[in-house]
Every structure is written in structure tokens, then in C-alpha cells.
Amino acid sequence: MEEMLVQFDVIYPDEELVRIAIRGAATYGLSCFDAHLWAYAERFGLDTLWSEDFENGRLYGRVRVRDPCAGPAGPMERGTRGMDDQGVTGGDVGGVDGTRTRGLRRDRPAF
């Protein structure tokens, strides 16, 4: 653990980061946790955020999201968004309440 602390900067949330996260939740429909994760990447200038919880290949602000489980060509590169939770292919993603949302995960509450 001590070796990791020496190798990496530890960053903490502040008011600006929380404001960016709130903007991300409102703009992109992100959950609280995902919005904070994205806010760190957006604020500190990361080009790529590796996560399987976002839409693969999508640009959120200045941050491109890549799903490490999607393989070399993600759904955005193939021209389809892939399968939703019910195994349906196409551009719509099924929400847990049976509603259809366009490209956003709605299985976790936002802010």
C-alpha cells in the first residue's frame, strides 16, 4: 500500500469537483458514484475513463469512455449499442422499471 501512495497522487473532492459531478449527473443521467468518477477524469484532464458502467465509446464532456470488457471495437465503433439487459439489440437500453431510455443506464438513482 505504501508503494502505491508514493507512485500516485491522492486527490480529494472539493466544491468544484462536486459541482462538476452534479453537472454530469444532470447532463448525462449518471448515478452519484459514476458522476463523481467522471468528474475526476473531466477535471484532471484524463482522455479516457475505463469503466464497464458507462456507454462504451461515448464522449462525456472531454472524456471518452472505454469498456475494458467490450474488446477492441466497442458498440459505438460497430454502429450499434449492443444488447440491453433483456437481450434486445438496438439503440435503446431497458431500464429496471420497464421504461426505455436512449443510451443511458437508469438502473441506479441519480443525484
Protein backbone atom coordinates (compact mmCIF):
# COMPACT_ATOMS: atom_id res chain seq x y z
CA MET A 1 0.00 0.00 0.00
CA GLU A 2 2.75 2.46 0.88
CA GLU A 3 4.38 1.89 -2.53
CA MET A 4 1.14 2.84 -4.27
CA LEU A 5 0.85 6.04 -2.25
CA VAL A 6 4.33 7.03 -3.41
CA GLN A 7 3.59 6.22 -7.06
CA PHE A 8 0.24 8.00 -7.36
CA ASP A 9 -1.14 11.38 -6.34
CA VAL A 10 -4.05 11.18 -3.92
CA ILE A 11 -6.81 13.58 -4.92
CA TYR A 12 -9.76 14.59 -2.77
CA PRO A 13 -13.14 16.06 -3.65
CA ASP A 14 -13.71 19.74 -3.19
CA GLU A 15 -16.54 22.11 -4.08
CA GLU A 16 -15.53 22.42 -7.74
CA LEU A 17 -15.40 18.65 -8.19
CA VAL A 18 -18.82 18.19 -6.59
CA ARG A 19 -20.26 20.86 -8.90
CA ILE A 20 -18.80 19.08 -11.93
CA ALA A 21 -20.27 15.78 -10.70
CA ILE A 22 -23.71 17.36 -10.27
CA ARG A 23 -23.46 18.76 -13.80
CA GLY A 24 -22.51 15.29 -15.09
CA ALA A 25 -25.44 13.66 -13.31
CA ALA A 26 -27.86 16.23 -14.72
CA THR A 27 -26.41 16.30 -18.24
CA TYR A 28 -25.68 12.61 -18.81
CA GLY A 29 -28.07 10.92 -16.37
CA LEU A 30 -25.20 9.42 -14.37
CA SER A 31 -25.58 7.92 -10.90
CA CYS A 32 -23.95 9.74 -8.00
CA PHE A 33 -20.96 7.38 -7.95
CA ASP A 34 -20.48 7.40 -11.75
CA ALA A 35 -20.82 11.19 -11.86
CA HIS A 36 -18.04 11.59 -9.29
CA LEU A 37 -15.81 9.14 -11.14
CA TRP A 38 -16.38 11.05 -14.39
CA ALA A 39 -15.87 14.41 -12.64
CA TYR A 40 -12.36 13.44 -11.55
CA ALA A 41 -11.49 12.46 -15.12
CA GLU A 42 -13.04 15.64 -16.55
CA ARG A 43 -11.40 17.99 -14.05
CA PHE A 44 -7.93 16.47 -14.10
CA GLY A 45 -7.76 16.14 -17.88
CA LEU A 46 -7.93 12.38 -18.41
CA ASP A 47 -8.61 11.49 -22.04
CA THR A 48 -10.01 8.02 -21.33
CA LEU A 49 -12.06 6.59 -18.48
CA TRP A 50 -12.02 2.78 -18.31
CA SER A 51 -15.31 1.51 -16.91
CA GLU A 52 -17.99 -1.01 -17.83
CA ASP A 53 -20.66 1.17 -16.18
CA PHE A 54 -20.82 3.82 -18.91
CA GLU A 55 -21.73 3.65 -22.60
CA ASN A 56 -18.65 2.28 -24.38
CA GLY A 57 -17.04 4.69 -26.83
CA ARG A 58 -19.20 7.65 -25.80
CA LEU A 59 -17.67 11.06 -25.20
CA TYR A 60 -18.80 12.60 -21.90
CA GLY A 61 -17.55 16.19 -21.98
CA ARG A 62 -13.85 15.81 -22.85
CA VAL A 63 -13.61 12.23 -21.56
CA ARG A 64 -14.03 9.17 -23.81
CA VAL A 65 -15.26 6.07 -22.01
CA ARG A 66 -13.90 2.64 -22.89
CA ASP A 67 -15.28 -0.63 -21.57
CA PRO A 68 -12.37 -2.98 -20.83
CA CYS A 69 -14.70 -5.97 -21.30
CA ALA A 70 -16.00 -4.90 -24.72
CA GLY A 71 -12.96 -5.93 -26.75
CA PRO A 72 -11.07 -3.88 -29.32
CA ALA A 73 -14.10 -2.47 -31.16
CA GLY A 74 -16.86 -1.35 -28.83
CA PRO A 75 -20.54 -0.95 -29.76
CA MET A 76 -20.12 2.69 -30.82
CA GLU A 77 -17.41 1.71 -33.30
CA ARG A 78 -19.60 -1.07 -34.77
CA GLY A 79 -22.56 1.24 -35.27
CA THR A 80 -24.83 -0.43 -32.69
CA ARG A 81 -25.22 -0.08 -28.98
CA GLY A 82 -25.37 -3.85 -28.45
CA MET A 83 -27.74 -5.73 -26.16
CA ASP A 84 -29.70 -4.33 -23.29
CA ASP A 85 -30.48 -6.11 -20.00
CA GLN A 86 -33.30 -8.09 -21.61
CA GLY A 87 -31.15 -9.29 -24.53
CA VAL A 88 -32.70 -6.88 -27.02
CA THR A 89 -30.34 -5.35 -29.55
CA GLY A 90 -30.52 -1.81 -30.84
CA GLY A 91 -30.16 1.76 -29.68
CA ASP A 92 -32.45 1.66 -26.65
CA VAL A 93 -31.43 0.41 -23.24
CA GLY A 94 -34.07 -1.07 -20.96
CA GLY A 95 -34.49 0.45 -17.52
CA VAL A 96 -35.29 -1.58 -14.43
CA ASP A 97 -38.81 -0.17 -14.33
CA GLY A 98 -39.58 -1.35 -17.87
CA THR A 99 -39.12 2.09 -19.44
CA ARG A 100 -36.88 2.57 -22.44
CA THR A 101 -34.08 5.10 -22.25
CA ARG A 102 -31.85 6.24 -25.05
CA GLY A 103 -28.25 5.19 -24.39
CA LEU A 104 -28.27 5.91 -20.64
CA ARG A 105 -28.27 3.47 -17.75
CA ARG A 106 -31.18 4.08 -15.42
CA ASP A 107 -30.62 1.14 -13.04
CA ARG A 108 -29.12 3.34 -10.32
CA PRO A 109 -30.56 6.53 -8.90
CA ALA A 110 -29.00 9.81 -9.93
CA PHE A 111 -28.43 12.71 -7.52
